[in-house]
Amino acid sequence: MIDPSDVDAPGRLQYEQALRYAEDLRELYQRERERTEEVEAARQALELREAELAALHAIDLSILGVAPVEETLGTATGALRRLMPVDRAAVLVYDAKRHQIREVLGWADRPDATSWRDLPPGALREAIRTRRALTVDLESSNDPWIAQLRRDEMRSGLIVPLVAEARALGALVILSPRPNAY
């Protein structure tokens, strides 16, 4: 590095200008790098939102009856897998008059899966009552219906109520054996 005291006045001026120029370039480079990072973050957010919208569109199509209901869960699960870890999913129908639920798509391998059952207390009831999605830590929950899910080695879940015209129609339940997946 050059010692500024060794340079004559015009040379010192050029040296100081070169230092300012180098500092300006460094700042410009830093700002450009920050903008590039912002653009990349925005691009990733848009891709995630696009995948979310595709999943919602697949669900909408089945609710409207355009797609066969059997295809719905597979399509929705595939779309959701691009967003988050989805290992199992089920669609539950809710009968508000009787306060009961019935599985229409998903875990049909259980003997009681497709029969009407009372809406259990806990997270599922809360999600349907409030019409808001809830994440569920299956390892720490004491909900009765979750005991079976724990036996099936599921550790985390997401309950998304299905609502039309402010009326709860049921819920989409998404599960994963990974703790805190949602």
Protein backbone atom coordinates (compact mmCIF):
# COMPACT_ATOMS: atom_id res chain seq x y z
CA MET A 1 0.00 0.00 0.00
CA ILE A 2 1.18 3.52 -0.76
CA ASP A 3 1.98 5.86 2.11
CA PRO A 4 0.11 9.15 1.31
CA SER A 5 2.95 11.22 2.85
CA ASP A 6 5.31 9.98 0.11
CA VAL A 7 3.09 11.44 -2.66
CA ASP A 8 3.17 15.08 -3.85
CA ALA A 9 0.00 17.22 -3.68
CA PRO A 10 -1.41 16.39 -7.16
CA GLY A 11 -0.53 12.74 -6.62
CA ARG A 12 -2.19 12.81 -3.18
CA LEU A 13 -5.35 14.25 -4.74
CA GLN A 14 -5.38 11.47 -7.33
CA TYR A 15 -4.75 8.92 -4.57
CA GLU A 16 -7.67 10.24 -2.47
CA GLN A 17 -9.93 10.29 -5.53
CA ALA A 18 -8.97 6.71 -6.31
CA LEU A 19 -9.76 5.71 -2.71
CA ARG A 20 -13.18 7.43 -2.89
CA TYR A 21 -13.83 5.81 -6.24
CA ALA A 22 -12.91 2.38 -4.82
CA GLU A 23 -15.18 2.98 -1.81
CA ASP A 24 -18.04 4.07 -4.10
CA LEU A 25 -17.57 0.93 -6.18
CA ARG A 26 -17.57 -1.21 -3.05
CA GLU A 27 -20.85 0.40 -1.87
CA LEU A 28 -22.39 0.03 -5.31
CA TYR A 29 -21.40 -3.64 -5.40
CA GLN A 30 -22.86 -4.18 -1.91
CA ARG A 31 -26.17 -2.52 -2.87
CA GLU A 32 -26.33 -4.57 -6.06
CA ARG A 33 -25.69 -7.77 -4.11
CA GLU A 34 -28.46 -6.87 -1.66
CA ARG A 35 -30.86 -6.22 -4.54
CA THR A 36 -29.94 -9.54 -6.11
CA GLU A 37 -30.69 -11.29 -2.80
CA GLU A 38 -34.04 -9.46 -2.55
CA VAL A 39 -34.97 -10.45 -6.09
CA GLU A 40 -34.05 -14.09 -5.37
CA ALA A 41 -36.12 -14.10 -2.16
CA ALA A 42 -39.06 -12.59 -4.06
CA ARG A 43 -38.69 -15.20 -6.82
CA GLN A 44 -38.73 -18.02 -4.25
CA ALA A 45 -41.77 -16.50 -2.52
CA LEU A 46 -43.58 -16.31 -5.86
CA GLU A 47 -42.76 -19.94 -6.66
CA LEU A 48 -44.08 -21.01 -3.25
CA ARG A 49 -47.25 -18.95 -3.74
CA GLU A 50 -47.71 -20.47 -7.21
CA ALA A 51 -47.48 -23.97 -5.75
CA GLU A 52 -49.95 -23.02 -2.99
CA LEU A 53 -52.39 -21.69 -5.57
CA ALA A 54 -52.03 -24.85 -7.66
CA ALA A 55 -52.89 -26.97 -4.60
CA LEU A 56 -55.90 -24.79 -3.78
CA HIS A 57 -57.03 -24.92 -7.41
CA ALA A 58 -56.90 -28.72 -7.38
CA ILE A 59 -59.04 -28.78 -4.25
CA ASP A 60 -61.45 -26.21 -5.72
CA LEU A 61 -61.91 -28.29 -8.85
CA SER A 62 -62.89 -31.36 -6.86
CA ILE A 63 -65.22 -29.42 -4.59
CA LEU A 64 -67.00 -28.04 -7.63
CA GLY A 65 -67.35 -31.57 -8.97
CA VAL A 66 -65.22 -30.99 -12.05
CA ALA A 67 -62.68 -33.65 -11.06
CA PRO A 68 -63.66 -37.06 -9.64
CA VAL A 69 -63.38 -37.02 -5.85
CA GLU A 70 -60.99 -40.01 -5.93
CA GLU A 71 -58.48 -37.92 -7.86
CA THR A 72 -58.73 -34.98 -5.49
CA LEU A 73 -56.65 -36.24 -2.62
CA GLY A 74 -53.94 -37.59 -4.91
CA THR A 75 -53.78 -34.32 -6.83
CA ALA A 76 -53.90 -32.18 -3.71
CA THR A 77 -51.34 -34.37 -1.93
CA GLY A 78 -49.00 -34.16 -4.94
CA ALA A 79 -49.34 -30.38 -5.09
CA LEU A 80 -48.91 -30.07 -1.34
CA ARG A 81 -45.77 -32.25 -1.46
CA ARG A 82 -44.13 -29.51 -3.52
CA LEU A 83 -44.79 -27.13 -0.61
CA MET A 84 -44.23 -29.27 2.47
CA PRO A 85 -43.69 -32.84 3.64
CA VAL A 86 -47.06 -34.62 3.17
CA ASP A 87 -47.06 -38.33 3.94
CA ARG A 88 -50.76 -38.95 4.54
CA ALA A 89 -53.89 -36.95 3.95
CA ALA A 90 -57.63 -37.41 4.40
CA VAL A 91 -60.77 -35.48 3.61
CA LEU A 92 -63.38 -35.53 6.37
CA VAL A 93 -67.01 -34.46 5.91
CA TYR A 94 -68.73 -32.66 8.78
CA ASP A 95 -72.43 -32.96 9.63
CA ALA A 96 -73.18 -29.78 11.61
CA LYS A 97 -76.62 -30.94 12.75
CA ARG A 98 -75.31 -34.13 14.31
CA HIS A 99 -71.82 -32.79 15.14
CA GLN A 100 -70.28 -35.81 13.45
CA ILE A 101 -67.51 -36.44 10.97
CA ARG A 102 -66.95 -39.11 8.35
CA GLU A 103 -63.94 -39.82 6.23
CA VAL A 104 -64.69 -39.70 2.52
CA LEU A 105 -61.16 -39.98 1.22
CA GLY A 106 -57.92 -41.06 2.83
CA TRP A 107 -57.47 -43.67 5.56
CA ALA A 108 -60.09 -46.12 4.38
CA ASP A 109 -57.94 -49.04 5.61
CA ARG A 110 -59.29 -48.57 9.16
CA PRO A 111 -62.59 -50.42 9.83
CA ASP A 112 -64.35 -47.31 11.22
CA ALA A 113 -62.88 -44.91 8.67
CA THR A 114 -66.00 -44.33 6.58
CA SER A 115 -68.63 -44.49 9.34
CA TRP A 116 -70.04 -41.41 11.05
CA ARG A 117 -68.36 -40.60 14.38
CA ASP A 118 -68.92 -37.87 16.92
CA LEU A 119 -66.67 -34.89 16.34
CA PRO A 120 -63.89 -35.48 18.87
CA PRO A 121 -62.82 -32.74 21.28
CA GLY A 122 -59.54 -31.01 20.61
CA ALA A 123 -57.79 -29.69 17.52
CA LEU A 124 -60.16 -31.06 14.88
CA ARG A 125 -63.21 -29.65 16.64
CA GLU A 126 -61.42 -26.33 17.16
CA ALA A 127 -60.42 -26.07 13.49
CA ILE A 128 -63.98 -26.74 12.34
CA ARG A 129 -65.49 -24.42 14.97
CA THR A 130 -63.18 -21.49 14.21
CA ARG A 131 -62.86 -22.27 10.48
CA ARG A 132 -59.11 -21.71 10.80
CA ALA A 133 -56.22 -24.01 9.89
CA LEU A 134 -54.35 -25.48 12.85
CA THR A 135 -51.02 -27.23 13.18
CA VAL A 136 -51.00 -30.16 15.59
CA ASP A 137 -48.06 -31.64 17.47
CA LEU A 138 -49.27 -35.25 17.58
CA GLU A 139 -46.59 -36.22 20.07
CA SER A 140 -47.85 -33.91 22.81
CA SER A 141 -51.58 -33.80 22.02
CA ASN A 142 -54.05 -35.60 24.27
CA ASP A 143 -56.87 -35.59 21.70
CA PRO A 144 -58.51 -39.06 21.65
CA TRP A 145 -58.49 -39.40 17.85
CA ILE A 146 -54.78 -38.58 17.75
CA ALA A 147 -53.84 -41.68 19.77
CA GLN A 148 -54.54 -43.81 16.66
CA LEU A 149 -52.40 -41.51 14.51
CA ARG A 150 -49.52 -41.86 16.98
CA ARG A 151 -49.84 -45.65 16.73
CA ASP A 152 -49.49 -45.17 12.97
CA GLU A 153 -46.24 -43.28 13.74
CA MET A 154 -47.53 -39.88 12.63
CA ARG A 155 -45.90 -37.03 14.59
CA SER A 156 -47.26 -33.77 13.16
CA GLY A 157 -50.38 -32.64 11.39
CA LEU A 158 -52.15 -29.78 9.72
CA ILE A 159 -55.94 -29.46 9.84
CA VAL A 160 -57.48 -27.22 7.17
CA PRO A 161 -61.23 -26.71 7.48
CA LEU A 162 -63.21 -26.84 4.24
CA VAL A 163 -65.63 -23.91 4.29
CA ALA A 164 -68.27 -22.67 1.85
CA GLU A 165 -70.43 -19.61 2.46
CA ALA A 166 -69.26 -19.43 6.10
CA ARG A 167 -70.36 -23.03 6.69
CA ALA A 168 -67.89 -25.74 7.70
CA LEU A 169 -68.21 -28.70 5.31
CA GLY A 170 -65.35 -30.76 6.69
CA ALA A 171 -61.58 -30.75 6.89
CA LEU A 172 -58.47 -31.69 4.99
CA VAL A 173 -56.07 -33.40 7.41
CA ILE A 174 -52.40 -33.64 6.39
CA LEU A 175 -49.95 -35.77 8.38
CA SER A 176 -46.25 -36.48 8.59
CA PRO A 177 -44.10 -38.83 10.68
CA ARG A 178 -41.62 -35.95 11.05
CA PRO A 179 -42.05 -33.87 14.24
CA ASN A 180 -42.96 -30.21 13.63
CA ALA A 181 -43.29 -30.71 9.87
CA TYR A 182 -45.93 -28.01 9.70
